[in-house]
C-alpha atoms as a PDB file:
ATOM      1  CA  MET A   1     -19.486  13.111  29.734  1.00  0.00           C
ATOM      2  CA  ASN A   2     -16.295  15.357  31.079  1.00  0.00           C
ATOM      3  CA  LYS A   3     -13.763  16.883  28.634  1.00  0.00           C
ATOM      4  CA  THR A   4     -10.963  14.229  28.935  1.00  0.00           C
ATOM      5  CA  ALA A   5     -13.229  11.551  28.443  1.00  0.00           C
ATOM      6  CA  ASN A   6     -14.555  13.350  25.385  1.00  0.00           C
ATOM      7  CA  THR A   7     -11.002  13.643  24.375  1.00  0.00           C
ATOM      8  CA  LEU A   8      -9.804  10.009  24.963  1.00  0.00           C
ATOM      9  CA  ILE A   9     -13.012   8.771  22.582  1.00  0.00           C
ATOM     10  CA  LEU A  10     -11.740  11.535  19.821  1.00  0.00           C
ATOM     11  CA  LEU A  11      -8.180  10.670  20.392  1.00  0.00           C
ATOM     12  CA  THR A  12      -9.066   6.602  19.978  1.00  0.00           C
ATOM     13  CA  ALA A  13     -11.543   7.120  17.274  1.00  0.00           C
ATOM     14  CA  VAL A  14      -8.546   8.990  15.047  1.00  0.00           C
ATOM     15  CA  GLY A  15      -5.979   6.028  15.972  1.00  0.00           C
ATOM     16  CA  LEU A  16      -3.571   8.044  18.116  1.00  0.00           C
ATOM     17  CA  GLY A  17      -2.453   6.313  21.373  1.00  0.00           C
ATOM     18  CA  THR A  18      -2.906   2.858  19.901  1.00  0.00           C
ATOM     19  CA  GLY A  19       0.578   2.559  18.703  1.00  0.00           C
ATOM     20  CA  ALA A  20      -0.531   2.443  15.044  1.00  0.00           C
ATOM     21  CA  ALA A  21       0.277   5.142  12.248  1.00  0.00           C
ATOM     22  CA  HIS A  22      -2.265   7.298  11.648  1.00  0.00           C
ATOM     23  CA  VAL A  23      -2.969   7.907   8.104  1.00  0.00           C
ATOM     24  CA  ASN A  24      -6.386   9.423   6.297  1.00  0.00           C
ATOM     25  CA  HIS A  25      -8.436   6.184   5.582  1.00  0.00           C
ATOM     26  CA  PRO A  26     -10.948   5.173   2.938  1.00  0.00           C
ATOM     27  CA  PRO A  27     -14.442   6.027   3.604  1.00  0.00           C
ATOM     28  CA  THR A  28     -15.323   2.345   4.309  1.00  0.00           C
ATOM     29  CA  SER A  29     -12.644   2.089   7.022  1.00  0.00           C
ATOM     30  CA  HIS A  30     -12.368   2.784  10.612  1.00  0.00           C
ATOM     31  CA  ALA A  31      -9.082   0.760  11.236  1.00  0.00           C
ATOM     32  CA  PRO A  32      -5.683   2.275  10.809  1.00  0.00           C
ATOM     33  CA  LEU A  33      -4.032   1.151   7.535  1.00  0.00           C
ATOM     34  CA  LEU A  34      -0.729   0.692   8.841  1.00  0.00           C
ATOM     35  CA  ARG A  35       0.785  -0.997  11.916  1.00  0.00           C
ATOM     36  CA  SER A  36       4.422  -0.909  12.843  1.00  0.00           C
ATOM     37  CA  ASP A  37       6.107  -3.509  15.257  1.00  0.00           C
ATOM     38  CA  ALA A  38       9.670  -2.571  15.815  1.00  0.00           C
ATOM     39  CA  ALA A  39       9.728  -5.753  18.111  1.00  0.00           C
ATOM     40  CA  LYS A  40       9.305  -7.898  15.141  1.00  0.00           C
ATOM     41  CA  LYS A  41      10.633  -5.524  12.598  1.00  0.00           C
ATOM     42  CA  THR A  42       7.255  -6.180  10.648  1.00  0.00           C
ATOM     43  CA  ALA A  43       5.073  -3.395   8.818  1.00  0.00           C
ATOM     44  CA  PHE A  44       1.351  -4.663   8.346  1.00  0.00           C
ATOM     45  CA  LEU A  45      -0.315  -2.559   5.552  1.00  0.00           C
ATOM     46  CA  SER A  46      -4.020  -3.241   4.811  1.00  0.00           C
ATOM     47  CA  LEU A  47      -4.265  -2.855   1.048  1.00  0.00           C
ATOM     48  CA  ILE A  48      -7.127  -2.592  -0.618  1.00  0.00           C
ATOM     49  CA  ALA A  49      -7.706  -2.173  -4.212  1.00  0.00           C
ATOM     50  CA  GLY A  50     -10.400  -0.327  -5.898  1.00  0.00           C
ATOM     51  CA  SER A  51     -11.847   1.021  -2.164  1.00  0.00           C
ATOM     52  CA  ASP A  52     -13.808   3.663  -4.023  1.00  0.00           C
ATOM     53  CA  GLN A  53     -14.108   5.256  -7.317  1.00  0.00           C
ATOM     54  CA  SER A  54     -11.278   7.776  -7.416  1.00  0.00           C
ATOM     55  CA  ASN A  55      -9.104   7.392 -10.675  1.00  0.00           C
ATOM     56  CA  ALA A  56     -12.081   5.033 -12.070  1.00  0.00           C
ATOM     57  CA  GLY A  57     -11.310   2.514  -9.614  1.00  0.00           C
ATOM     58  CA  LEU A  58      -7.891   2.324 -10.127  1.00  0.00           C
ATOM     59  CA  ASN A  59      -6.338   2.918  -6.573  1.00  0.00           C
ATOM     60  CA  PHE A  60      -5.035   1.113  -3.275  1.00  0.00           C
ATOM     61  CA  ASN A  61      -7.051   2.583  -0.349  1.00  0.00           C
ATOM     62  CA  GLY A  62      -8.431   5.577  -2.300  1.00  0.00           C
ATOM     63  CA  LYS A  63      -5.226   6.800  -3.368  1.00  0.00           C
ATOM     64  CA  HIS A  64      -3.163   6.290  -6.852  1.00  0.00           C
ATOM     65  CA  GLY A  65      -0.169   8.107  -8.738  1.00  0.00           C
ATOM     66  CA  GLY A  66       2.028   7.545  -5.588  1.00  0.00           C
ATOM     67  CA  GLN A  67      -0.093   9.814  -3.453  1.00  0.00           C
ATOM     68  CA  SER A  68       0.969   7.273  -0.406  1.00  0.00           C
ATOM     69  CA  THR A  69       4.391   6.362   0.470  1.00  0.00           C
ATOM     70  CA  LEU A  70       5.031   3.279   2.764  1.00  0.00           C
ATOM     71  CA  THR A  71       8.271   3.819   4.136  1.00  0.00           C
ATOM     72  CA  VAL A  72       9.855   0.751   6.073  1.00  0.00           C
ATOM     73  CA  PRO A  73      13.352   0.033   7.598  1.00  0.00           C
ATOM     74  CA  LEU A  74      16.179  -2.025   5.631  1.00  0.00           C
ATOM     75  CA  GLY A  75      15.442  -5.745   6.547  1.00  0.00           C
ATOM     76  CA  TRP A  76      11.858  -5.670   8.001  1.00  0.00           C
ATOM     77  CA  THR A  77       9.149  -8.049   6.787  1.00  0.00           C
ATOM     78  CA  VAL A  78       6.389  -6.326   4.895  1.00  0.00           C
ATOM     79  CA  GLU A  79       3.134  -7.808   5.048  1.00  0.00           C
ATOM     80  CA  LEU A  80       0.404  -6.526   2.592  1.00  0.00           C
ATOM     81  CA  HIS A  81      -3.336  -7.664   3.611  1.00  0.00           C
ATOM     82  CA  TYR A  82      -4.720  -7.594   0.461  1.00  0.00           C
ATOM     83  CA  ARG A  83      -7.949  -7.458  -1.057  1.00  0.00           C
ATOM     84  CA  ASN A  84      -9.945  -6.185  -4.085  1.00  0.00           C
ATOM     85  CA  ALA A  85     -13.386  -4.135  -2.961  1.00  0.00           C
ATOM     86  CA  GLY A  86     -13.568  -2.906  -6.542  1.00  0.00           C
ATOM     87  CA  ALA A  87     -15.980  -3.920  -9.739  1.00  0.00           C
ATOM     88  CA  MET A  88     -12.691  -5.000 -12.128  1.00  0.00           C
ATOM     89  CA  PRO A  89     -10.074  -7.582 -11.034  1.00  0.00           C
ATOM     90  CA  HIS A  90      -6.954  -6.419  -9.334  1.00  0.00           C
ATOM     91  CA  SER A  91      -3.784  -7.444  -8.344  1.00  0.00           C
ATOM     92  CA  VAL A  92      -0.639  -6.386  -6.438  1.00  0.00           C
ATOM     93  CA  VAL A  93       3.147  -6.750  -6.973  1.00  0.00           C
ATOM     94  CA  VAL A  94       6.288  -4.936  -5.531  1.00  0.00           C
ATOM     95  CA  VAL A  95       8.620  -3.543  -8.309  1.00  0.00           C
ATOM     96  CA  ASP A  96      11.301  -1.458  -8.819  1.00  0.00           C
ATOM     97  CA  ALA A  97      10.402   2.137  -9.395  1.00  0.00           C
ATOM     98  CA  PRO A  98      11.645   3.520 -12.615  1.00  0.00           C
ATOM     99  CA  SER A  99      13.347   6.802 -12.559  1.00  0.00           C
ATOM    100  CA  LYS A 100      11.954  10.275 -13.146  1.00  0.00           C
ATOM    101  CA  GLY A 101       9.147  10.396 -15.575  1.00  0.00           C
ATOM    102  CA  MET A 102       8.251   6.657 -14.595  1.00  0.00           C
ATOM    103  CA  ALA A 103       4.322   7.137 -15.733  1.00  0.00           C
ATOM    104  CA  GLN A 104       5.578   6.987 -19.194  1.00  0.00           C
ATOM    105  CA  LYS A 105       8.336   4.309 -18.410  1.00  0.00           C
ATOM    106  CA  LEU A 106       5.947   1.884 -16.749  1.00  0.00           C
ATOM    107  CA  PRO A 107       5.045  -1.263 -18.540  1.00  0.00           C
ATOM    108  CA  LEU A 108       1.684  -2.235 -19.884  1.00  0.00           C
ATOM    109  CA  LYS A 109       1.534  -4.935 -17.178  1.00  0.00           C
ATOM    110  CA  PHE A 110       3.580  -6.800 -14.482  1.00  0.00           C
ATOM    111  CA  SER A 111       3.934 -10.760 -13.844  1.00  0.00           C
ATOM    112  CA  GLU A 112       5.295 -12.535 -10.860  1.00  0.00           C
ATOM    113  CA  ALA A 113       9.083 -12.345 -12.322  1.00  0.00           C
ATOM    114  CA  SER A 114       8.624  -8.478 -12.241  1.00  0.00           C
ATOM    115  CA  ALA A 115       8.405  -8.797  -8.338  1.00  0.00           C
ATOM    116  CA  ALA A 116      11.467  -6.527  -6.548  1.00  0.00           C
ATOM    117  CA  PHE A 117      11.773  -8.981  -3.311  1.00  0.00           C
ATOM    118  CA  THR A 118      11.013 -12.591  -3.484  1.00  0.00           C
ATOM    119  CA  GLY A 119       7.283 -13.396  -2.571  1.00  0.00           C
ATOM    120  CA  ALA A 120       6.237  -9.289  -3.170  1.00  0.00           C
ATOM    121  CA  HIS A 121       3.085 -10.370  -5.158  1.00  0.00           C
ATOM    122  CA  SER A 122      -0.217 -11.804  -4.921  1.00  0.00           C
ATOM    123  CA  LYS A 123      -1.631 -14.866  -6.855  1.00  0.00           C
ATOM    124  CA  ASN A 124      -2.719 -13.998 -10.574  1.00  0.00           C
ATOM    125  CA  VAL A 125      -0.671 -10.824 -11.100  1.00  0.00           C
ATOM    126  CA  THR A 126      -1.748 -10.377 -14.754  1.00  0.00           C
ATOM    127  CA  GLY A 127      -5.017 -11.348 -14.299  1.00  0.00           C
ATOM    128  CA  GLY A 128      -6.041 -10.342 -11.059  1.00  0.00           C
ATOM    129  CA  MET A 129      -8.526 -11.408  -8.771  1.00  0.00           C
ATOM    130  CA  GLY A 130     -12.475 -10.161  -8.392  1.00  0.00           C
ATOM    131  CA  ARG A 131     -13.516  -8.955  -5.292  1.00  0.00           C
ATOM    132  CA  THR A 132     -15.326 -12.340  -4.348  1.00  0.00           C
ATOM    133  CA  VAL A 133     -12.030 -13.635  -3.404  1.00  0.00           C
ATOM    134  CA  PRO A 134     -10.753 -13.566   0.450  1.00  0.00           C
ATOM    135  CA  THR A 135      -7.996 -11.259   1.692  1.00  0.00           C
ATOM    136  CA  GLU A 136      -4.618 -12.631   0.738  1.00  0.00           C
ATOM    137  CA  MET A 137      -1.594 -12.150   2.931  1.00  0.00           C
ATOM    138  CA  VAL A 138       1.441 -10.831   0.747  1.00  0.00           C
ATOM    139  CA  SER A 139       4.764 -11.347   2.784  1.00  0.00           C
ATOM    140  CA  PHE A 140       8.514 -10.534   1.733  1.00  0.00           C
ATOM    141  CA  THR A 141      11.377  -8.879   3.664  1.00  0.00           C
ATOM    142  CA  ALA A 142      12.573  -5.490   2.424  1.00  0.00           C
ATOM    143  CA  ASN A 143      16.278  -6.554   1.826  1.00  0.00           C
ATOM    144  CA  LYS A 144      17.261  -4.161  -0.398  1.00  0.00           C
ATOM    145  CA  ALA A 145      17.285  -0.322   0.178  1.00  0.00           C
ATOM    146  CA  GLY A 146      15.562   1.927  -2.368  1.00  0.00           C
ATOM    147  CA  ASP A 147      12.683   2.926  -4.052  1.00  0.00           C
ATOM    148  CA  TYR A 148       9.853   0.619  -5.180  1.00  0.00           C
ATOM    149  CA  LEU A 149       6.534   0.575  -6.717  1.00  0.00           C
ATOM    150  CA  ILE A 150       3.441  -1.511  -4.762  1.00  0.00           C
ATOM    151  CA  ALA A 151       1.697  -1.723  -8.250  1.00  0.00           C
ATOM    152  CA  CYS A 152      -1.437  -3.773 -10.086  1.00  0.00           C
ATOM    153  CA  GLY A 153      -0.250  -6.075 -12.398  1.00  0.00           C
ATOM    154  CA  VAL A 154      -3.305  -6.100 -14.115  1.00  0.00           C
ATOM    155  CA  THR A 155      -2.795  -5.165 -17.951  1.00  0.00           C
ATOM    156  CA  GLY A 156      -3.159  -1.321 -17.976  1.00  0.00           C
ATOM    157  CA  HIS A 157      -3.788  -0.353 -14.227  1.00  0.00           C
ATOM    158  CA  ALA A 158      -0.215   0.504 -13.057  1.00  0.00           C
ATOM    159  CA  ILE A 159       0.081   2.739 -16.111  1.00  0.00           C
ATOM    160  CA  GLY A 160      -3.377   4.105 -15.651  1.00  0.00           C
ATOM    161  CA  GLY A 161      -2.172   5.339 -12.260  1.00  0.00           C
ATOM    162  CA  GLN A 162      -2.945   2.078  -9.547  1.00  0.00           C
ATOM    163  CA  TYR A 163       0.219   2.259  -7.556  1.00  0.00           C
ATOM    164  CA  LEU A 164       1.744   3.374  -4.384  1.00  0.00           C
ATOM    165  CA  LYS A 165       5.602   4.306  -3.578  1.00  0.00           C
ATOM    166  CA  LEU A 166       7.525   2.126  -1.200  1.00  0.00           C
ATOM    167  CA  HIS A 167      10.796   3.577   0.289  1.00  0.00           C
ATOM    168  CA  VAL A 168      13.117   1.002   1.919  1.00  0.00           C
ATOM    169  CA  ASN A 169      15.481   3.052   3.918  1.00  0.00           C
ATOM    170  CA  ALA A 170      18.626   1.770   6.304  1.00  0.00           C
ATOM    171  CA  GLN A 171      17.888   4.883   8.613  1.00  0.00           C
ATOM    172  CA  ALA A 172      14.191   4.235   9.242  1.00  0.00           C
ATOM    173  CA  ARG A 173      13.592   2.991  12.560  1.00  0.00           C
ATOM    174  CA  VAL A 174       9.487   2.180  12.292  1.00  0.00           C
ATOM    175  CA  ALA A 175       7.292   2.124   9.335  1.00  0.00           C
ATOM    176  CA  THR A 176       5.534   4.855   8.291  1.00  0.00           C
ATOM    177  CA  LEU A 177       2.716   5.670   5.684  1.00  0.00           C
ATOM    178  CA  THR A 178       2.805   9.293   4.331  1.00  0.00           C
ATOM    179  CA  GLU A 179      -0.250  11.159   1.744  1.00  0.00           C
ATOM    180  CA  VAL A 180       0.744  13.722  -0.464  1.00  0.00           C
ATOM    181  CA  PRO A 181      -1.061  15.233  -3.236  1.00  0.00           C
ATOM    182  CA  VAL A 182      -0.962  13.937  -6.838  1.00  0.00           C
ATOM    183  CA  THR A 183       2.247  15.053  -8.807  1.00  0.00           C
ATOM    184  CA  LYS A 184       3.350  14.044 -12.452  1.00  0.00           C
ATOM    185  CA  LEU A 185       6.058  11.455 -12.120  1.00  0.00           C
END
């Protein structure tokens, strides 16, 4: 194979040149986690609870404690394609982010009523679902600028670090997914 063909294969393998945002993937994933469609004003995020054993399985896509931040433009639709790959039940709910020191201020559990946006939760938020349940699509409109958490609502999971950050920004033009090392919140 020539050098150009090898480069094209490499770029395709890492998700560059496909129109998808590139992020590090859990070890079992070969597809981009985020797809941003500016024409449809929609962000599509693959969200896998308990994807590995990091943080004792309390993670989404192998990240926990706010290691990943999804930024979406104000007014966009967010589609979370959620599934549980872990051994314990998990759920997803988008909630208002507490101010600084959030780990100490997170409630022990969340419910459907905790959702910051209409429809921004999976079924059975408090009890969660097992890994035998098929992928669930959680869809909502990010119609309020600000900072939120994409959290597991099962008792003790969010306070144990099972959350990612969501930033709804009026200046953003596309959805992005960034990853940072864990910091104390």
